[in-house]
């Protein structure tokens, strides 16, 4: 009985962490971009256009393949799963029309890329945002 209780508690705690992981879209704090709409973010991350409102070239930065934050981000952004996103990018890359977002292996690398890449735009868990970054879009609750 005690083991079952502990397993249930561990499972609930892991689900709580997932529920509280809230993706937000961020840029370097030094950027002049202060806000992006969900449409802007969709267009940037889906390769439709690559300019920020101030005219700077946008450089979208993606999280690691199959990471929970990436799955959640694309589900909230355009209601697609990663298989659909990967198929979309395969078609665009094959046709030579645009390039996919810059891949990062983890959140630390995302932050590094944001602080060193002009026009960098990425998504992170809210808890990872610090003074080096600015939140420019939040998903509706």
N, C-alpha and C. Protein backbone atom coordinates (compact mmCIF):
# COMPACT_ATOMS: atom_id res chain seq x y z
N UNK A 1 0.83 -1.20 0.00
CA UNK A 1 0.00 0.00 0.00
C UNK A 1 0.87 1.27 0.00
N UNK A 2 1.93 1.25 0.81
CA UNK A 2 2.80 2.40 0.90
C UNK A 2 3.51 2.66 -0.43
N UNK A 3 3.92 1.60 -1.12
CA UNK A 3 4.58 1.74 -2.41
C UNK A 3 3.61 2.34 -3.44
N UNK A 4 2.38 1.89 -3.44
CA UNK A 4 1.37 2.41 -4.36
C UNK A 4 1.14 3.89 -4.11
N UNK A 5 1.07 4.27 -2.85
CA UNK A 5 0.89 5.68 -2.49
C UNK A 5 2.07 6.51 -2.99
N UNK A 6 3.28 6.02 -2.79
CA UNK A 6 4.46 6.76 -3.22
C UNK A 6 4.52 6.88 -4.74
N UNK A 7 4.16 5.81 -5.45
CA UNK A 7 4.13 5.88 -6.91
C UNK A 7 3.09 6.88 -7.40
N UNK A 8 1.93 6.87 -6.77
CA UNK A 8 0.88 7.82 -7.14
C UNK A 8 1.34 9.25 -6.86
N UNK A 9 1.96 9.47 -5.74
CA UNK A 9 2.47 10.80 -5.39
C UNK A 9 3.53 11.25 -6.39
N UNK A 10 4.45 10.37 -6.74
CA UNK A 10 5.49 10.72 -7.71
C UNK A 10 4.88 11.06 -9.07
N UNK A 11 3.89 10.29 -9.48
CA UNK A 11 3.22 10.54 -10.76
C UNK A 11 2.52 11.91 -10.73
N UNK A 12 1.81 12.20 -9.64
CA UNK A 12 1.12 13.49 -9.54
C UNK A 12 2.10 14.65 -9.55
N UNK A 13 3.23 14.48 -8.88
CA UNK A 13 4.24 15.54 -8.86
C UNK A 13 4.81 15.77 -10.27
N UNK A 14 5.05 14.69 -11.00
CA UNK A 14 5.58 14.86 -12.35
C UNK A 14 4.54 15.54 -13.25
N UNK A 15 3.28 15.23 -13.08
CA UNK A 15 2.23 15.88 -13.87
C UNK A 15 2.11 17.35 -13.49
N UNK A 16 2.27 17.66 -12.24
CA UNK A 16 2.21 19.05 -11.79
C UNK A 16 3.33 19.85 -12.43
N UNK A 17 4.53 19.30 -12.50
CA UNK A 17 5.64 20.00 -13.14
C UNK A 17 5.34 20.26 -14.60
N UNK A 18 4.75 19.29 -15.28
CA UNK A 18 4.44 19.47 -16.69
C UNK A 18 3.37 20.55 -16.86
N UNK A 19 2.37 20.53 -16.03
CA UNK A 19 1.29 21.51 -16.13
C UNK A 19 1.83 22.92 -15.91
N UNK A 20 2.76 23.08 -14.97
CA UNK A 20 3.27 24.40 -14.66
C UNK A 20 4.32 24.89 -15.65
N UNK A 21 4.84 23.99 -16.49
CA UNK A 21 5.80 24.40 -17.52
C UNK A 21 5.03 25.21 -18.56
N UNK A 22 5.27 26.48 -18.58
CA UNK A 22 4.52 27.38 -19.45
C UNK A 22 5.46 28.00 -20.47
N UNK A 23 5.31 27.66 -21.76
CA UNK A 23 6.20 28.26 -22.75
C UNK A 23 5.85 29.73 -22.99
N UNK A 24 6.88 30.54 -23.12
CA UNK A 24 6.73 31.94 -23.50
C UNK A 24 7.74 32.21 -24.62
N UNK A 25 7.44 33.19 -25.45
CA UNK A 25 8.34 33.56 -26.54
C UNK A 25 9.20 34.72 -26.06
N UNK A 26 10.51 34.59 -26.30
CA UNK A 26 11.46 35.56 -25.77
C UNK A 26 12.45 36.03 -26.83
N UNK A 27 13.02 37.20 -26.56
CA UNK A 27 14.12 37.77 -27.35
C UNK A 27 15.18 38.25 -26.37
N UNK A 28 16.31 38.66 -26.90
CA UNK A 28 17.36 39.26 -26.09
C UNK A 28 16.82 40.56 -25.48
N UNK A 29 17.14 40.82 -24.22
CA UNK A 29 16.63 42.02 -23.54
C UNK A 29 17.08 43.30 -24.24
N UNK A 30 18.19 43.25 -24.97
CA UNK A 30 18.68 44.44 -25.68
C UNK A 30 17.93 44.70 -26.99
N UNK A 31 17.10 43.78 -27.41
CA UNK A 31 16.34 43.94 -28.65
C UNK A 31 15.34 45.07 -28.52
N UNK A 32 15.06 45.73 -29.64
CA UNK A 32 14.03 46.78 -29.62
C UNK A 32 12.63 46.19 -29.72
N UNK A 33 12.52 44.89 -29.99
CA UNK A 33 11.22 44.23 -30.07
C UNK A 33 10.66 44.06 -28.66
N UNK A 34 9.47 44.59 -28.44
CA UNK A 34 8.86 44.50 -27.12
C UNK A 34 7.64 43.59 -27.09
N UNK A 35 7.08 43.31 -28.28
CA UNK A 35 5.88 42.48 -28.32
C UNK A 35 5.75 41.86 -29.71
N UNK A 36 5.29 40.61 -29.73
CA UNK A 36 4.95 39.92 -30.98
C UNK A 36 3.57 39.30 -30.80
N UNK A 37 2.79 39.30 -31.86
CA UNK A 37 1.49 38.63 -31.81
C UNK A 37 1.69 37.14 -32.07
N UNK A 38 0.68 36.35 -31.78
CA UNK A 38 0.77 34.93 -32.07
C UNK A 38 0.92 34.71 -33.58
N UNK A 39 0.30 35.54 -34.38
CA UNK A 39 0.45 35.46 -35.83
C UNK A 39 1.89 35.74 -36.25
N UNK A 40 2.50 36.77 -35.65
CA UNK A 40 3.91 37.06 -35.93
C UNK A 40 4.79 35.86 -35.61
N UNK A 41 4.59 35.28 -34.44
CA UNK A 41 5.40 34.14 -34.01
C UNK A 41 5.17 32.95 -34.93
N UNK A 42 3.93 32.71 -35.30
CA UNK A 42 3.63 31.62 -36.23
C UNK A 42 4.37 31.83 -37.54
N UNK A 43 4.29 33.02 -38.09
CA UNK A 43 4.95 33.31 -39.36
C UNK A 43 6.47 33.19 -39.26
N UNK A 44 7.04 33.59 -38.16
CA UNK A 44 8.49 33.49 -37.98
C UNK A 44 8.91 32.03 -37.84
N UNK A 45 8.23 31.28 -36.99
CA UNK A 45 8.64 29.89 -36.74
C UNK A 45 8.24 28.94 -37.86
N UNK A 46 7.31 29.33 -38.71
CA UNK A 46 6.92 28.47 -39.84
C UNK A 46 7.57 28.94 -41.15
N UNK A 47 8.49 29.88 -41.07
CA UNK A 47 9.27 30.29 -42.23
C UNK A 47 8.54 31.16 -43.23
N UNK A 48 7.41 31.69 -42.85
CA UNK A 48 6.64 32.52 -43.79
C UNK A 48 7.28 33.89 -43.98
N UNK A 49 7.79 34.46 -42.91
CA UNK A 49 8.63 35.63 -43.03
C UNK A 49 9.62 35.66 -41.88
N UNK A 50 10.70 36.36 -42.09
CA UNK A 50 11.78 36.35 -41.12
C UNK A 50 12.24 37.77 -40.78
N UNK A 51 11.27 38.61 -40.49
CA UNK A 51 11.58 39.97 -40.06
C UNK A 51 10.85 40.28 -38.77
N UNK A 52 11.54 40.97 -37.88
CA UNK A 52 10.92 41.48 -36.66
C UNK A 52 10.27 42.82 -37.01
N UNK A 53 9.38 43.32 -36.16
CA UNK A 53 8.70 44.60 -36.46
C UNK A 53 9.65 45.76 -36.75
N UNK A 54 10.85 45.75 -36.16
CA UNK A 54 11.80 46.85 -36.40
C UNK A 54 12.61 46.65 -37.69
N UNK A 55 12.35 45.58 -38.44
CA UNK A 55 13.06 45.32 -39.68
C UNK A 55 14.26 44.40 -39.55
N UNK A 56 14.66 44.11 -38.32
CA UNK A 56 15.78 43.19 -38.09
C UNK A 56 15.40 41.80 -38.57
N UNK A 57 16.36 41.11 -39.16
CA UNK A 57 16.11 39.72 -39.56
C UNK A 57 15.85 38.87 -38.33
N UNK A 58 14.77 38.12 -38.37
CA UNK A 58 14.41 37.23 -37.26
C UNK A 58 15.14 35.90 -37.43
N UNK A 59 15.67 35.39 -36.34
CA UNK A 59 16.33 34.09 -36.34
C UNK A 59 15.62 33.21 -35.31
N UNK A 60 14.65 32.39 -35.76
CA UNK A 60 13.95 31.53 -34.81
C UNK A 60 14.86 30.42 -34.31
N UNK A 61 14.73 30.13 -33.03
CA UNK A 61 15.56 29.10 -32.38
C UNK A 61 14.63 28.07 -31.78
N UNK A 62 14.83 26.81 -32.17
CA UNK A 62 13.97 25.71 -31.72
C UNK A 62 14.63 24.94 -30.59
N UNK A 63 13.80 24.35 -29.75
CA UNK A 63 14.28 23.46 -28.69
C UNK A 63 14.61 22.09 -29.29
N UNK A 64 15.16 21.22 -28.49
CA UNK A 64 15.57 19.89 -28.93
C UNK A 64 14.38 19.08 -29.44
N UNK A 65 14.65 18.22 -30.44
CA UNK A 65 13.61 17.33 -30.97
C UNK A 65 12.96 16.55 -29.84
N UNK A 66 11.65 16.44 -29.91
CA UNK A 66 10.85 15.66 -28.96
C UNK A 66 10.92 16.13 -27.51
N UNK A 67 11.44 17.33 -27.26
CA UNK A 67 11.42 17.83 -25.88
C UNK A 67 9.98 18.23 -25.54
N UNK A 68 9.57 18.07 -24.31
CA UNK A 68 8.20 18.42 -23.91
C UNK A 68 7.85 19.89 -24.22
N UNK A 69 8.80 20.80 -24.05
CA UNK A 69 8.51 22.21 -24.30
C UNK A 69 8.26 22.44 -25.80
N UNK A 70 8.99 21.76 -26.65
CA UNK A 70 8.79 21.90 -28.10
C UNK A 70 7.42 21.36 -28.51
N UNK A 71 7.07 20.20 -27.98
CA UNK A 71 5.77 19.60 -28.26
C UNK A 71 4.65 20.56 -27.84
N UNK A 72 4.76 21.10 -26.63
CA UNK A 72 3.74 22.01 -26.09
C UNK A 72 3.69 23.31 -26.90
N UNK A 73 4.85 23.84 -27.26
CA UNK A 73 4.91 25.10 -28.01
C UNK A 73 4.15 24.99 -29.34
N UNK A 74 4.48 23.99 -30.13
CA UNK A 74 3.82 23.87 -31.43
C UNK A 74 2.35 23.49 -31.31
N UNK A 75 2.00 22.76 -30.28
CA UNK A 75 0.58 22.44 -30.05
C UNK A 75 -0.19 23.73 -29.74
N UNK A 76 0.38 24.57 -28.89
CA UNK A 76 -0.30 25.82 -28.55
C UNK A 76 -0.26 26.83 -29.69
N UNK A 77 0.86 26.87 -30.42
CA UNK A 77 1.03 27.87 -31.47
C UNK A 77 0.13 27.60 -32.67
N UNK A 78 0.16 26.37 -33.20
CA UNK A 78 -0.59 26.08 -34.43
C UNK A 78 -1.38 24.78 -34.37
N UNK A 79 -1.48 24.20 -33.18
CA UNK A 79 -2.26 22.98 -32.97
C UNK A 79 -1.79 21.84 -33.87
N UNK A 80 -0.47 21.67 -33.95
CA UNK A 80 0.13 20.59 -34.74
C UNK A 80 1.09 19.79 -33.85
N UNK A 81 1.21 18.48 -34.16
CA UNK A 81 2.20 17.68 -33.43
C UNK A 81 3.53 17.72 -34.17
N UNK A 82 4.57 17.17 -33.56
CA UNK A 82 5.90 17.27 -34.15
C UNK A 82 6.02 16.52 -35.47
N UNK A 83 5.29 15.44 -35.66
CA UNK A 83 5.33 14.75 -36.95
C UNK A 83 4.84 15.67 -38.07
N UNK A 84 3.79 16.42 -37.80
CA UNK A 84 3.27 17.36 -38.79
C UNK A 84 4.25 18.51 -39.04
N UNK A 85 4.89 18.99 -37.98
CA UNK A 85 5.89 20.06 -38.12
C UNK A 85 7.07 19.57 -38.94
N UNK A 86 7.57 18.37 -38.63
CA UNK A 86 8.72 17.83 -39.36
C UNK A 86 8.38 17.59 -40.83
N UNK A 87 7.18 17.11 -41.12
CA UNK A 87 6.77 16.90 -42.51
C UNK A 87 6.70 18.25 -43.24
N UNK A 88 6.17 19.26 -42.57
CA UNK A 88 6.08 20.60 -43.15
C UNK A 88 7.47 21.10 -43.54
N UNK A 89 8.42 20.99 -42.61
CA UNK A 89 9.77 21.47 -42.88
C UNK A 89 10.47 20.64 -43.93
N UNK A 90 10.20 19.36 -43.98
CA UNK A 90 10.80 18.52 -45.03
C UNK A 90 10.39 19.02 -46.41
N UNK A 91 9.11 19.34 -46.58
CA UNK A 91 8.64 19.86 -47.86
C UNK A 91 9.29 21.20 -48.21
N UNK A 92 9.36 22.11 -47.24
CA UNK A 92 9.93 23.43 -47.51
C UNK A 92 11.42 23.36 -47.80
N UNK A 93 12.14 22.56 -47.04
CA UNK A 93 13.59 22.44 -47.25
C UNK A 93 13.85 21.80 -48.61
N UNK A 94 13.10 20.76 -48.95
CA UNK A 94 13.28 20.09 -50.24
C UNK A 94 13.04 21.04 -51.40
N UNK A 95 12.04 21.91 -51.26
CA UNK A 95 11.73 22.86 -52.34
C UNK A 95 12.71 24.03 -52.36
N UNK A 96 13.51 24.18 -51.31
CA UNK A 96 14.49 25.26 -51.26
C UNK A 96 13.90 26.62 -50.94
N UNK A 97 12.69 26.64 -50.40
CA UNK A 97 12.02 27.92 -50.15
C UNK A 97 12.49 28.65 -48.91
N UNK A 98 12.88 27.93 -47.88
CA UNK A 98 13.33 28.58 -46.64
C UNK A 98 14.06 27.55 -45.79
N UNK A 99 14.56 27.99 -44.67
CA UNK A 99 15.28 27.09 -43.76
C UNK A 99 14.53 27.00 -42.44
N UNK A 100 14.62 25.86 -41.77
CA UNK A 100 13.94 25.70 -40.48
C UNK A 100 14.62 26.53 -39.39
N UNK A 101 13.97 26.65 -38.25
CA UNK A 101 14.60 27.33 -37.12
C UNK A 101 15.93 26.70 -36.74
N UNK A 102 16.80 27.50 -36.16
CA UNK A 102 18.10 27.03 -35.69
C UNK A 102 17.85 26.03 -34.54
N UNK A 103 18.41 24.83 -34.63
CA UNK A 103 18.18 23.86 -33.55
C UNK A 103 19.11 24.11 -32.37
N UNK A 104 18.58 23.93 -31.19
CA UNK A 104 19.38 23.99 -29.95
C UNK A 104 19.17 22.67 -29.22
N UNK A 105 20.17 22.24 -28.49
CA UNK A 105 20.08 20.93 -27.83
C UNK A 105 19.40 21.01 -26.46
N UNK A 106 19.36 22.20 -25.86
CA UNK A 106 18.74 22.34 -24.55
C UNK A 106 18.47 23.83 -24.27
N UNK A 107 17.82 24.10 -23.16
CA UNK A 107 17.45 25.47 -22.82
C UNK A 107 18.67 26.37 -22.61
N UNK A 108 19.73 25.82 -22.07
CA UNK A 108 20.95 26.61 -21.86
C UNK A 108 21.51 27.09 -23.19
N UNK A 109 21.49 26.22 -24.19
CA UNK A 109 21.97 26.61 -25.52
C UNK A 109 21.03 27.64 -26.14
N UNK A 110 19.73 27.50 -25.92
CA UNK A 110 18.77 28.49 -26.43
C UNK A 110 19.12 29.87 -25.87
N UNK A 111 19.35 29.95 -24.58
CA UNK A 111 19.69 31.23 -23.94
C UNK A 111 20.99 31.78 -24.51
N UNK A 112 21.99 30.92 -24.68
CA UNK A 112 23.26 31.35 -25.26
C UNK A 112 23.03 31.93 -26.66
N UNK A 113 22.28 31.21 -27.49
CA UNK A 113 22.01 31.69 -28.85
C UNK A 113 21.24 33.01 -28.84
N UNK A 114 20.29 33.15 -27.92
CA UNK A 114 19.54 34.41 -27.83
C UNK A 114 20.44 35.58 -27.45
N UNK A 115 21.39 35.34 -26.59
CA UNK A 115 22.25 36.44 -26.13
C UNK A 115 23.38 36.74 -27.10
N UNK A 116 23.59 35.89 -28.10
CA UNK A 116 24.69 36.10 -29.04
C UNK A 116 24.24 36.25 -30.49
N UNK A 117 22.95 36.13 -30.77
CA UNK A 117 22.44 36.19 -32.14
C UNK A 117 21.50 37.38 -32.29
N UNK A 118 21.88 38.32 -33.14
CA UNK A 118 20.98 39.46 -33.41
C UNK A 118 19.71 38.93 -34.04
N UNK A 119 18.57 39.36 -33.53
CA UNK A 119 17.28 38.96 -34.08
C UNK A 119 16.80 37.60 -33.60
N UNK A 120 17.49 37.01 -32.63
CA UNK A 120 17.08 35.70 -32.11
C UNK A 120 15.71 35.76 -31.46
N UNK A 121 14.88 34.77 -31.76
CA UNK A 121 13.55 34.62 -31.16
C UNK A 121 13.43 33.16 -30.77
N UNK A 122 13.01 32.90 -29.54
CA UNK A 122 12.91 31.51 -29.09
C UNK A 122 11.76 31.37 -28.11
N UNK A 123 11.54 30.15 -27.69
CA UNK A 123 10.55 29.87 -26.65
C UNK A 123 11.26 29.10 -25.55
N UNK A 124 10.88 29.43 -24.33
CA UNK A 124 11.44 28.81 -23.14
C UNK A 124 10.33 28.63 -22.12
N UNK A 125 10.59 27.79 -21.15
CA UNK A 125 9.69 27.73 -20.01
C UNK A 125 9.83 29.05 -19.27
N UNK A 126 8.72 29.58 -18.81
CA UNK A 126 8.74 30.87 -18.11
C UNK A 126 9.78 30.91 -17.00
N UNK A 127 9.96 29.81 -16.30
CA UNK A 127 10.90 29.77 -15.17
C UNK A 127 12.36 29.96 -15.60
N UNK A 128 12.65 29.80 -16.90
CA UNK A 128 14.02 29.95 -17.39
C UNK A 128 14.36 31.40 -17.80
N UNK A 129 13.35 32.26 -17.85
CA UNK A 129 13.56 33.64 -18.29
C UNK A 129 14.21 34.44 -17.18
N UNK A 130 15.29 35.13 -17.53
CA UNK A 130 15.98 35.98 -16.56
C UNK A 130 16.19 37.37 -17.15
N UNK A 131 17.00 38.19 -16.51
CA UNK A 131 17.15 39.59 -16.93
C UNK A 131 17.81 39.75 -18.30
N UNK A 132 18.43 38.71 -18.84
CA UNK A 132 19.04 38.79 -20.16
C UNK A 132 18.02 38.69 -21.29
N UNK A 133 16.78 38.30 -20.93
CA UNK A 133 15.75 38.03 -21.93
C UNK A 133 14.51 38.87 -21.69
N UNK A 134 13.72 39.04 -22.74
CA UNK A 134 12.44 39.77 -22.65
C UNK A 134 11.34 38.88 -23.22
N UNK A 135 10.26 38.74 -22.47
CA UNK A 135 9.09 38.01 -22.96
C UNK A 135 8.36 38.92 -23.93
N UNK A 136 8.11 38.40 -25.15
CA UNK A 136 7.43 39.19 -26.17
C UNK A 136 6.07 38.60 -26.55
N UNK A 137 5.81 37.37 -26.11
CA UNK A 137 4.50 36.78 -26.36
C UNK A 137 4.20 35.71 -25.31
N UNK A 138 2.98 35.74 -24.82
CA UNK A 138 2.52 34.71 -23.89
C UNK A 138 1.28 34.09 -24.49
N UNK A 139 1.10 32.80 -24.26
CA UNK A 139 -0.11 32.13 -24.73
C UNK A 139 -1.26 32.42 -23.79
N UNK A 140 -2.47 32.51 -24.35
CA UNK A 140 -3.63 32.72 -23.48
C UNK A 140 -3.76 31.57 -22.49
N UNK A 141 -4.22 31.88 -21.31
CA UNK A 141 -4.36 30.84 -20.28
C UNK A 141 -5.66 30.10 -20.43
